Amino acid sequence: MDLTEFGMSPAALSQAKSLAVKGLMTYQPFVFDETLECGVGYEFERDAHVGLVHYPDLAPELLQSPELDQIILGPGHLDEFRAANAQLSKLYDHFADQPC
């Protein structure tokens, strides 16, 4: 889900980033802004721990954490990450549309 159209406040974006770093904002394919996206689509496609969060302005010292290694998307994979999460979003939309 693209949340950029809702114009998140800096405080809300900061809170989402904090939750993402804790691994609590990783499953659903959400686009908050150009500095934060999350979703499990890329990992589903790759069947491996390859990154659940695109957070390019994360403090470099935090990237040294082994826990974050599985959460933060490595450089060079953003386009694939976005495409996989878009596909997952379509699947979710299809599931939600069926009962409606």
PDB file of N, CA and C in Angstrom:
ATOM      1  N   MET A   1       0.852  -1.162   0.000  1.00  0.00           N
ATOM      2  CA  MET A   1       0.000   0.000   0.000  1.00  0.00           C
ATOM      3  C   MET A   1       0.902   1.231   0.000  1.00  0.00           C
ATOM      4  N   ASP A   2       0.611   2.149  -0.891  1.00  0.00           N
ATOM      5  CA  ASP A   2       1.367   3.384  -0.984  1.00  0.00           C
ATOM      6  C   ASP A   2       0.743   4.413  -0.041  1.00  0.00           C
ATOM      7  N   LEU A   3       1.459   4.732   1.005  1.00  0.00           N
ATOM      8  CA  LEU A   3       0.970   5.667   2.008  1.00  0.00           C
ATOM      9  C   LEU A   3       1.453   7.089   1.762  1.00  0.00           C
ATOM     10  N   THR A   4       2.224   7.297   0.710  1.00  0.00           N
ATOM     11  CA  THR A   4       2.786   8.621   0.463  1.00  0.00           C
ATOM     12  C   THR A   4       1.701   9.657   0.189  1.00  0.00           C
ATOM     13  N   GLU A   5       0.586   9.226  -0.367  1.00  0.00           N
ATOM     14  CA  GLU A   5      -0.493  10.170  -0.688  1.00  0.00           C
ATOM     15  C   GLU A   5      -1.160  10.755   0.562  1.00  0.00           C
ATOM     16  N   PHE A   6      -0.923  10.138   1.712  1.00  0.00           N
ATOM     17  CA  PHE A   6      -1.526  10.628   2.947  1.00  0.00           C
ATOM     18  C   PHE A   6      -0.668  11.681   3.641  1.00  0.00           C
ATOM     19  N   GLY A   7       0.539  11.908   3.129  1.00  0.00           N
ATOM     20  CA  GLY A   7       1.397  12.945   3.686  1.00  0.00           C
ATOM     21  C   GLY A   7       1.686  12.757   5.162  1.00  0.00           C
ATOM     22  N   MET A   8       2.415  11.724   5.486  1.00  0.00           N
ATOM     23  CA  MET A   8       2.723  11.437   6.885  1.00  0.00           C
ATOM     24  C   MET A   8       3.507  12.574   7.520  1.00  0.00           C
ATOM     25  N   SER A   9       3.203  12.846   8.755  1.00  0.00           N
ATOM     26  CA  SER A   9       3.944  13.864   9.504  1.00  0.00           C
ATOM     27  C   SER A   9       5.349  13.328   9.790  1.00  0.00           C
ATOM     28  N   PRO A  10       6.305  14.211  10.030  1.00  0.00           N
ATOM     29  CA  PRO A  10       7.653  13.753  10.397  1.00  0.00           C
ATOM     30  C   PRO A  10       7.644  12.858  11.645  1.00  0.00           C
ATOM     31  N   ALA A  11       6.783  13.159  12.600  1.00  0.00           N
ATOM     32  CA  ALA A  11       6.705  12.340  13.815  1.00  0.00           C
ATOM     33  C   ALA A  11       6.203  10.931  13.497  1.00  0.00           C
ATOM     34  N   ALA A  12       5.185  10.828  12.641  1.00  0.00           N
ATOM     35  CA  ALA A  12       4.653   9.515  12.273  1.00  0.00           C
ATOM     36  C   ALA A  12       5.680   8.715  11.482  1.00  0.00           C
ATOM     37  N   LEU A  13       6.395   9.363  10.576  1.00  0.00           N
ATOM     38  CA  LEU A  13       7.430   8.690   9.802  1.00  0.00           C
ATOM     39  C   LEU A  13       8.555   8.219  10.724  1.00  0.00           C
ATOM     40  N   SER A  14       8.941   9.034  11.668  1.00  0.00           N
ATOM     41  CA  SER A  14       9.972   8.653  12.629  1.00  0.00           C
ATOM     42  C   SER A  14       9.538   7.436  13.435  1.00  0.00           C
ATOM     43  N   GLN A  15       8.279   7.408  13.836  1.00  0.00           N
ATOM     44  CA  GLN A  15       7.766   6.264  14.590  1.00  0.00           C
ATOM     45  C   GLN A  15       7.772   5.004  13.715  1.00  0.00           C
ATOM     46  N   ALA A  16       7.378   5.120  12.451  1.00  0.00           N
ATOM     47  CA  ALA A  16       7.391   3.965  11.550  1.00  0.00           C
ATOM     48  C   ALA A  16       8.821   3.449  11.368  1.00  0.00           C
ATOM     49  N   LYS A  17       9.790   4.351  11.245  1.00  0.00           N
ATOM     50  CA  LYS A  17      11.188   3.928  11.106  1.00  0.00           C
ATOM     51  C   LYS A  17      11.661   3.201  12.354  1.00  0.00           C
ATOM     52  N   SER A  18      11.281   3.703  13.502  1.00  0.00           N
ATOM     53  CA  SER A  18      11.659   3.064  14.756  1.00  0.00           C
ATOM     54  C   SER A  18      11.081   1.651  14.837  1.00  0.00           C
ATOM     55  N   LEU A  19       9.840   1.494  14.446  1.00  0.00           N
ATOM     56  CA  LEU A  19       9.205   0.167  14.453  1.00  0.00           C
ATOM     57  C   LEU A  19       9.865  -0.763  13.439  1.00  0.00           C
ATOM     58  N   ALA A  20      10.248  -0.226  12.290  1.00  0.00           N
ATOM     59  CA  ALA A  20      10.897  -1.040  11.265  1.00  0.00           C
ATOM     60  C   ALA A  20      12.237  -1.569  11.751  1.00  0.00           C
ATOM     61  N   VAL A  21      13.018  -0.729  12.399  1.00  0.00           N
ATOM     62  CA  VAL A  21      14.324  -1.147  12.908  1.00  0.00           C
ATOM     63  C   VAL A  21      14.165  -2.226  13.982  1.00  0.00           C
ATOM     64  N   LYS A  22      13.077  -2.200  14.704  1.00  0.00           N
ATOM     65  CA  LYS A  22      12.815  -3.222  15.722  1.00  0.00           C
ATOM     66  C   LYS A  22      12.246  -4.504  15.107  1.00  0.00           C
ATOM     67  N   GLY A  23      12.010  -4.500  13.803  1.00  0.00           N
ATOM     68  CA  GLY A  23      11.450  -5.675  13.138  1.00  0.00           C
ATOM     69  C   GLY A  23       9.951  -5.779  13.279  1.00  0.00           C
ATOM     70  N   LEU A  24       9.289  -4.693  13.694  1.00  0.00           N
ATOM     71  CA  LEU A  24       7.852  -4.721  13.922  1.00  0.00           C
ATOM     72  C   LEU A  24       7.046  -4.143  12.766  1.00  0.00           C
ATOM     73  N   MET A  25       7.730  -3.664  11.747  1.00  0.00           N
ATOM     74  CA  MET A  25       7.052  -3.050  10.604  1.00  0.00           C
ATOM     75  C   MET A  25       7.699  -3.621   9.345  1.00  0.00           C
ATOM     76  N   THR A  26       7.544  -4.919   9.152  1.00  0.00           N
ATOM     77  CA  THR A  26       8.276  -5.535   8.049  1.00  0.00           C
ATOM     78  C   THR A  26       7.423  -6.379   7.113  1.00  0.00           C
ATOM     79  N   TYR A  27       6.321  -6.892   7.559  1.00  0.00           N
ATOM     80  CA  TYR A  27       5.601  -7.879   6.765  1.00  0.00           C
ATOM     81  C   TYR A  27       4.783  -7.266   5.631  1.00  0.00           C
ATOM     82  N   GLN A  28       3.914  -6.336   5.956  1.00  0.00           N
ATOM     83  CA  GLN A  28       3.030  -5.754   4.955  1.00  0.00           C
ATOM     84  C   GLN A  28       3.805  -4.873   3.980  1.00  0.00           C
ATOM     85  N   PRO A  29       3.440  -4.903   2.712  1.00  0.00           N
ATOM     86  CA  PRO A  29       4.122  -4.051   1.733  1.00  0.00           C
ATOM     87  C   PRO A  29       3.599  -2.612   1.801  1.00  0.00           C
ATOM     88  N   PHE A  30       4.289  -1.791   2.571  1.00  0.00           N
ATOM     89  CA  PHE A  30       3.937  -0.386   2.739  1.00  0.00           C
ATOM     90  C   PHE A  30       5.044   0.503   2.191  1.00  0.00           C
ATOM     91  N   VAL A  31       4.656   1.570   1.516  1.00  0.00           N
ATOM     92  CA  VAL A  31       5.584   2.610   1.083  1.00  0.00           C
ATOM     93  C   VAL A  31       5.223   3.850   1.881  1.00  0.00           C
ATOM     94  N   PHE A  32       6.126   4.265   2.769  1.00  0.00           N
ATOM     95  CA  PHE A  32       5.885   5.437   3.605  1.00  0.00           C
ATOM     96  C   PHE A  32       6.368   6.703   2.912  1.00  0.00           C
ATOM     97  N   ASP A  33       7.556   6.670   2.380  1.00  0.00           N
ATOM     98  CA  ASP A  33       8.127   7.745   1.571  1.00  0.00           C
ATOM     99  C   ASP A  33       9.406   7.208   0.937  1.00  0.00           C
ATOM    100  N   GLU A  34      10.203   8.080   0.331  1.00  0.00           N
ATOM    101  CA  GLU A  34      11.411   7.601  -0.349  1.00  0.00           C
ATOM    102  C   GLU A  34      12.471   7.095   0.624  1.00  0.00           C
ATOM    103  N   THR A  35      12.279   7.323   1.915  1.00  0.00           N
ATOM    104  CA  THR A  35      13.260   6.866   2.896  1.00  0.00           C
ATOM    105  C   THR A  35      12.790   5.672   3.713  1.00  0.00           C
ATOM    106  N   LEU A  36      11.613   5.132   3.400  1.00  0.00           N
ATOM    107  CA  LEU A  36      11.143   3.957   4.139  1.00  0.00           C
ATOM    108  C   LEU A  36      10.093   3.187   3.346  1.00  0.00           C
ATOM    109  N   GLU A  37      10.419   1.942   3.083  1.00  0.00           N
ATOM    110  CA  GLU A  37       9.481   0.991   2.483  1.00  0.00           C
ATOM    111  C   GLU A  37       9.699  -0.336   3.188  1.00  0.00           C
ATOM    112  N   CYS A  38       8.652  -1.113   3.308  1.00  0.00           N
ATOM    113  CA  CYS A  38       8.802  -2.417   3.931  1.00  0.00           C
ATOM    114  C   CYS A  38       7.915  -3.424   3.206  1.00  0.00           C
ATOM    115  N   GLY A  39       8.166  -4.674   3.472  1.00  0.00           N
ATOM    116  CA  GLY A  39       7.355  -5.734   2.886  1.00  0.00           C
ATOM    117  C   GLY A  39       8.135  -7.016   2.746  1.00  0.00           C
ATOM    118  N   VAL A  40       7.425  -8.112   2.726  1.00  0.00           N
ATOM    119  CA  VAL A  40       8.042  -9.430   2.697  1.00  0.00           C
ATOM    120  C   VAL A  40       8.044 -10.039   1.284  1.00  0.00           C
ATOM    121  N   GLY A  41       7.523  -9.314   0.305  1.00  0.00           N
ATOM    122  CA  GLY A  41       7.423  -9.857  -1.051  1.00  0.00           C
ATOM    123  C   GLY A  41       8.737 -10.340  -1.629  1.00  0.00           C
ATOM    124  N   TYR A  42       9.790  -9.560  -1.454  1.00  0.00           N
ATOM    125  CA  TYR A  42      11.103  -9.924  -1.997  1.00  0.00           C
ATOM    126  C   TYR A  42      11.632 -11.194  -1.348  1.00  0.00           C
ATOM    127  N   GLU A  43      11.430 -11.319  -0.048  1.00  0.00           N
ATOM    128  CA  GLU A  43      11.867 -12.538   0.633  1.00  0.00           C
ATOM    129  C   GLU A  43      11.033 -13.738   0.194  1.00  0.00           C
ATOM    130  N   PHE A  44       9.741 -13.548  -0.026  1.00  0.00           N
ATOM    131  CA  PHE A  44       8.909 -14.641  -0.534  1.00  0.00           C
ATOM    132  C   PHE A  44       9.432 -15.127  -1.875  1.00  0.00           C
ATOM    133  N   GLU A  45       9.736 -14.187  -2.768  1.00  0.00           N
ATOM    134  CA  GLU A  45      10.215 -14.569  -4.100  1.00  0.00           C
ATOM    135  C   GLU A  45      11.561 -15.263  -4.045  1.00  0.00           C
ATOM    136  N   ARG A  46      12.433 -14.801  -3.191  1.00  0.00           N
ATOM    137  CA  ARG A  46      13.803 -15.340  -3.115  1.00  0.00           C
ATOM    138  C   ARG A  46      13.907 -16.550  -2.198  1.00  0.00           C
ATOM    139  N   ASP A  47      12.893 -16.771  -1.368  1.00  0.00           N
ATOM    140  CA  ASP A  47      12.902 -17.847  -0.384  1.00  0.00           C
ATOM    141  C   ASP A  47      14.182 -17.797   0.455  1.00  0.00           C
ATOM    142  N   ALA A  48      14.510 -16.583   0.901  1.00  0.00           N
ATOM    143  CA  ALA A  48      15.713 -16.372   1.709  1.00  0.00           C
ATOM    144  C   ALA A  48      15.577 -15.055   2.456  1.00  0.00           C
ATOM    145  N   HIS A  49      16.350 -14.889   3.506  1.00  0.00           N
ATOM    146  CA  HIS A  49      16.378 -13.621   4.247  1.00  0.00           C
ATOM    147  C   HIS A  49      17.231 -12.633   3.451  1.00  0.00           C
ATOM    148  N   VAL A  50      16.582 -11.759   2.715  1.00  0.00           N
ATOM    149  CA  VAL A  50      17.317 -10.809   1.864  1.00  0.00           C
ATOM    150  C   VAL A  50      16.940  -9.368   2.143  1.00  0.00           C
ATOM    151  N   GLY A  51      16.067  -9.124   3.070  1.00  0.00           N
ATOM    152  CA  GLY A  51      15.716  -7.757   3.423  1.00  0.00           C
ATOM    153  C   GLY A  51      14.225  -7.517   3.401  1.00  0.00           C
ATOM    154  N   LEU A  52      13.736  -6.914   4.453  1.00  0.00           N
ATOM    155  CA  LEU A  52      12.319  -6.623   4.604  1.00  0.00           C
ATOM    156  C   LEU A  52      12.029  -5.129   4.610  1.00  0.00           C
ATOM    157  N   VAL A  53      13.077  -4.322   4.745  1.00  0.00           N
ATOM    158  CA  VAL A  53      12.904  -2.879   4.889  1.00  0.00           C
ATOM    159  C   VAL A  53      13.927  -2.145   4.041  1.00  0.00           C
ATOM    160  N   HIS A  54      13.446  -1.215   3.236  1.00  0.00           N
ATOM    161  CA  HIS A  54      14.333  -0.281   2.526  1.00  0.00           C
ATOM    162  C   HIS A  54      14.381   0.988   3.357  1.00  0.00           C
ATOM    163  N   TYR A  55      15.543   1.264   3.913  1.00  0.00           N
ATOM    164  CA  TYR A  55      15.726   2.395   4.827  1.00  0.00           C
ATOM    165  C   TYR A  55      17.122   2.950   4.560  1.00  0.00           C
ATOM    166  N   PRO A  56      17.288   3.689   3.456  1.00  0.00           N
ATOM    167  CA  PRO A  56      18.625   4.105   3.043  1.00  0.00           C
ATOM    168  C   PRO A  56      19.313   5.093   3.964  1.00  0.00           C
ATOM    169  N   ASP A  57      18.585   5.836   4.766  1.00  0.00           N
ATOM    170  CA  ASP A  57      19.233   6.803   5.649  1.00  0.00           C
ATOM    171  C   ASP A  57      19.385   6.305   7.092  1.00  0.00           C
ATOM    172  N   LEU A  58      19.343   4.986   7.266  1.00  0.00           N
ATOM    173  CA  LEU A  58      19.580   4.395   8.578  1.00  0.00           C
ATOM    174  C   LEU A  58      21.018   4.695   8.997  1.00  0.00           C
ATOM    175  N   ALA A  59      21.203   5.029  10.251  1.00  0.00           N
ATOM    176  CA  ALA A  59      22.538   5.327  10.767  1.00  0.00           C
ATOM    177  C   ALA A  59      23.480   4.155  10.511  1.00  0.00           C
ATOM    178  N   PRO A  60      24.645   4.409   9.920  1.00  0.00           N
ATOM    179  CA  PRO A  60      25.571   3.324   9.563  1.00  0.00           C
ATOM    180  C   PRO A  60      25.951   2.420  10.733  1.00  0.00           C
ATOM    181  N   GLU A  61      26.059   2.977  11.935  1.00  0.00           N
ATOM    182  CA  GLU A  61      26.440   2.143  13.078  1.00  0.00           C
ATOM    183  C   GLU A  61      25.361   1.099  13.401  1.00  0.00           C
ATOM    184  N   LEU A  62      24.116   1.383  13.063  1.00  0.00           N
ATOM    185  CA  LEU A  62      23.051   0.410  13.303  1.00  0.00           C
ATOM    186  C   LEU A  62      23.131  -0.768  12.336  1.00  0.00           C
ATOM    187  N   LEU A  63      23.715  -0.547  11.181  1.00  0.00           N
ATOM    188  CA  LEU A  63      23.840  -1.625  10.199  1.00  0.00           C
ATOM    189  C   LEU A  63      24.824  -2.703  10.633  1.00  0.00           C
ATOM    190  N   GLN A  64      25.593  -2.450  11.664  1.00  0.00           N
ATOM    191  CA  GLN A  64      26.539  -3.445  12.180  1.00  0.00           C
ATOM    192  C   GLN A  64      25.835  -4.520  12.995  1.00  0.00           C
ATOM    193  N   SER A  65      24.593  -4.302  13.342  1.00  0.00           N
ATOM    194  CA  SER A  65      23.842  -5.237  14.164  1.00  0.00           C
ATOM    195  C   SER A  65      23.464  -6.485  13.356  1.00  0.00           C
ATOM    196  N   PRO A  66      23.777  -7.686  13.863  1.00  0.00           N
ATOM    197  CA  PRO A  66      23.391  -8.915  13.151  1.00  0.00           C
ATOM    198  C   PRO A  66      21.876  -9.039  12.975  1.00  0.00           C
ATOM    199  N   GLU A  67      21.117  -8.527  13.948  1.00  0.00           N
ATOM    200  CA  GLU A  67      19.664  -8.603  13.842  1.00  0.00           C
ATOM    201  C   GLU A  67      19.156  -7.786  12.657  1.00  0.00           C
ATOM    202  N   LEU A  68      19.770  -6.639  12.439  1.00  0.00           N
ATOM    203  CA  LEU A  68      19.321  -5.782  11.338  1.00  0.00           C
ATOM    204  C   LEU A  68      19.775  -6.288   9.980  1.00  0.00           C
ATOM    205  N   ASP A  69      20.772  -7.134   9.958  1.00  0.00           N
ATOM    206  CA  ASP A  69      21.264  -7.677   8.697  1.00  0.00           C
ATOM    207  C   ASP A  69      20.169  -8.416   7.944  1.00  0.00           C
ATOM    208  N   GLN A  70      19.282  -9.084   8.658  1.00  0.00           N
ATOM    209  CA  GLN A  70      18.178  -9.810   8.017  1.00  0.00           C
ATOM    210  C   GLN A  70      16.984  -8.912   7.745  1.00  0.00           C
ATOM    211  N   ILE A  71      16.942  -7.745   8.353  1.00  0.00           N
ATOM    212  CA  ILE A  71      15.794  -6.861   8.195  1.00  0.00           C
ATOM    213  C   ILE A  71      16.003  -5.824   7.103  1.00  0.00           C
ATOM    214  N   ILE A  72      17.172  -5.200   7.082  1.00  0.00           N
ATOM    215  CA  ILE A  72      17.427  -4.097   6.166  1.00  0.00           C
ATOM    216  C   ILE A  72      17.856  -4.614   4.800  1.00  0.00           C
ATOM    217  N   LEU A  73      17.228  -4.115   3.773  1.00  0.00           N
ATOM    218  CA  LEU A  73      17.533  -4.490   2.399  1.00  0.00           C
ATOM    219  C   LEU A  73      18.926  -4.014   2.023  1.00  0.00           C
ATOM    220  N   GLY A  74      19.705  -4.897   1.456  1.00  0.00           N
ATOM    221  CA  GLY A  74      21.042  -4.528   1.009  1.00  0.00           C
ATOM    222  C   GLY A  74      20.991  -3.621  -0.200  1.00  0.00           C
ATOM    223  N   PRO A  75      22.074  -2.899  -0.452  1.00  0.00           N
ATOM    224  CA  PRO A  75      22.100  -1.978  -1.596  1.00  0.00           C
ATOM    225  C   PRO A  75      21.989  -2.726  -2.922  1.00  0.00           C
ATOM    226  N   GLY A  76      21.414  -2.048  -3.890  1.00  0.00           N
ATOM    227  CA  GLY A  76      21.329  -2.612  -5.235  1.00  0.00           C
ATOM    228  C   GLY A  76      20.124  -3.479  -5.524  1.00  0.00           C
ATOM    229  N   HIS A  77      19.176  -3.567  -4.595  1.00  0.00           N
ATOM    230  CA  HIS A  77      18.019  -4.452  -4.789  1.00  0.00           C
ATOM    231  C   HIS A  77      16.681  -3.725  -4.718  1.00  0.00           C
ATOM    232  N   LEU A  78      16.704  -2.415  -4.712  1.00  0.00           N
ATOM    233  CA  LEU A  78      15.477  -1.657  -4.490  1.00  0.00           C
ATOM    234  C   LEU A  78      14.424  -1.919  -5.560  1.00  0.00           C
ATOM    235  N   ASP A  79      14.801  -1.933  -6.829  1.00  0.00           N
ATOM    236  CA  ASP A  79      13.807  -2.146  -7.886  1.00  0.00           C
ATOM    237  C   ASP A  79      13.136  -3.507  -7.750  1.00  0.00           C
ATOM    238  N   GLU A  80      13.923  -4.546  -7.479  1.00  0.00           N
ATOM    239  CA  GLU A  80      13.362  -5.887  -7.289  1.00  0.00           C
ATOM    240  C   GLU A  80      12.473  -5.941  -6.042  1.00  0.00           C
ATOM    241  N   PHE A  81      12.915  -5.272  -4.999  1.00  0.00           N
ATOM    242  CA  PHE A  81      12.153  -5.203  -3.747  1.00  0.00           C
ATOM    243  C   PHE A  81      10.788  -4.571  -4.000  1.00  0.00           C
ATOM    244  N   ARG A  82      10.782  -3.439  -4.696  1.00  0.00           N
ATOM    245  CA  ARG A  82       9.520  -2.746  -4.986  1.00  0.00           C
ATOM    246  C   ARG A  82       8.609  -3.590  -5.866  1.00  0.00           C
ATOM    247  N   ALA A  83       9.167  -4.239  -6.877  1.00  0.00           N
ATOM    248  CA  ALA A  83       8.356  -5.059  -7.788  1.00  0.00           C
ATOM    249  C   ALA A  83       7.732  -6.240  -7.043  1.00  0.00           C
ATOM    250  N   ALA A  84       8.512  -6.889  -6.201  1.00  0.00           N
ATOM    251  CA  ALA A  84       7.995  -8.039  -5.445  1.00  0.00           C
ATOM    252  C   ALA A  84       6.895  -7.607  -4.486  1.00  0.00           C
ATOM    253  N   ASN A  85       7.085  -6.481  -3.825  1.00  0.00           N
ATOM    254  CA  ASN A  85       6.055  -6.001  -2.903  1.00  0.00           C
ATOM    255  C   ASN A  85       4.803  -5.542  -3.646  1.00  0.00           C
ATOM    256  N   ALA A  86       4.964  -5.001  -4.847  1.00  0.00           N
ATOM    257  CA  ALA A  86       3.796  -4.620  -5.654  1.00  0.00           C
ATOM    258  C   ALA A  86       2.985  -5.861  -6.018  1.00  0.00           C
ATOM    259  N   GLN A  87       3.661  -6.940  -6.352  1.00  0.00           N
ATOM    260  CA  GLN A  87       2.968  -8.192  -6.667  1.00  0.00           C
ATOM    261  C   GLN A  87       2.237  -8.721  -5.440  1.00  0.00           C
ATOM    262  N   LEU A  88       2.888  -8.648  -4.285  1.00  0.00           N
ATOM    263  CA  LEU A  88       2.240  -9.103  -3.047  1.00  0.00           C
ATOM    264  C   LEU A  88       1.020  -8.242  -2.734  1.00  0.00           C
ATOM    265  N   SER A  89       1.114  -6.948  -2.950  1.00  0.00           N
ATOM    266  CA  SER A  89      -0.026  -6.055  -2.726  1.00  0.00           C
ATOM    267  C   SER A  89      -1.196  -6.422  -3.628  1.00  0.00           C
ATOM    268  N   LYS A  90      -0.908  -6.750  -4.883  1.00  0.00           N
ATOM    269  CA  LYS A  90      -1.972  -7.175  -5.810  1.00  0.00           C
ATOM    270  C   LYS A  90      -2.660  -8.433  -5.296  1.00  0.00           C
ATOM    271  N   LEU A  91      -1.874  -9.363  -4.778  1.00  0.00           N
ATOM    272  CA  LEU A  91      -2.437 -10.593  -4.239  1.00  0.00           C
ATOM    273  C   LEU A  91      -3.356 -10.286  -3.051  1.00  0.00           C
ATOM    274  N   TYR A  92      -2.878  -9.437  -2.137  1.00  0.00           N
ATOM    275  CA  TYR A  92      -3.703  -9.048  -0.993  1.00  0.00           C
ATOM    276  C   TYR A  92      -4.992  -8.359  -1.450  1.00  0.00           C
ATOM    277  N   ASP A  93      -4.869  -7.472  -2.428  1.00  0.00           N
ATOM    278  CA  ASP A  93      -6.054  -6.780  -2.945  1.00  0.00           C
ATOM    279  C   ASP A  93      -7.053  -7.767  -3.520  1.00  0.00           C
ATOM    280  N   HIS A  94      -6.556  -8.779  -4.224  1.00  0.00           N
ATOM    281  CA  HIS A  94      -7.427  -9.809  -4.790  1.00  0.00           C
ATOM    282  C   HIS A  94      -8.154 -10.558  -3.674  1.00  0.00           C
ATOM    283  N   PHE A  95      -7.435 -10.938  -2.633  1.00  0.00           N
ATOM    284  CA  PHE A  95      -8.060 -11.646  -1.508  1.00  0.00           C
ATOM    285  C   PHE A  95      -9.134 -10.783  -0.863  1.00  0.00           C
ATOM    286  N   ALA A  96      -8.858  -9.507  -0.691  1.00  0.00           N
ATOM    287  CA  ALA A  96      -9.822  -8.596  -0.059  1.00  0.00           C
ATOM    288  C   ALA A  96     -11.029  -8.337  -0.948  1.00  0.00           C
ATOM    289  N   ASP A  97     -10.830  -8.317  -2.260  1.00  0.00           N
ATOM    290  CA  ASP A  97     -11.923  -8.045  -3.193  1.00  0.00           C
ATOM    291  C   ASP A  97     -12.913  -9.202  -3.268  1.00  0.00           C
ATOM    292  N   GLN A  98     -12.471 -10.427  -3.057  1.00  0.00           N
ATOM    293  CA  GLN A  98     -13.326 -11.606  -3.223  1.00  0.00           C
ATOM    294  C   GLN A  98     -14.568 -11.558  -2.330  1.00  0.00           C
ATOM    295  N   PRO A  99     -14.447 -11.329  -1.042  1.00  0.00           N
ATOM    296  CA  PRO A  99     -15.660 -11.294  -0.223  1.00  0.00           C
ATOM    297  C   PRO A  99     -16.542 -10.079  -0.515  1.00  0.00           C
ATOM    298  N   CYS A 100     -15.904  -9.008  -0.980  1.00  0.00           N
ATOM    299  CA  CYS A 100     -16.676  -7.787  -1.262  1.00  0.00           C
ATOM    300  C   CYS A 100     -17.542  -7.987  -2.480  1.00  0.00           C
TER     301      CYS A 100
END
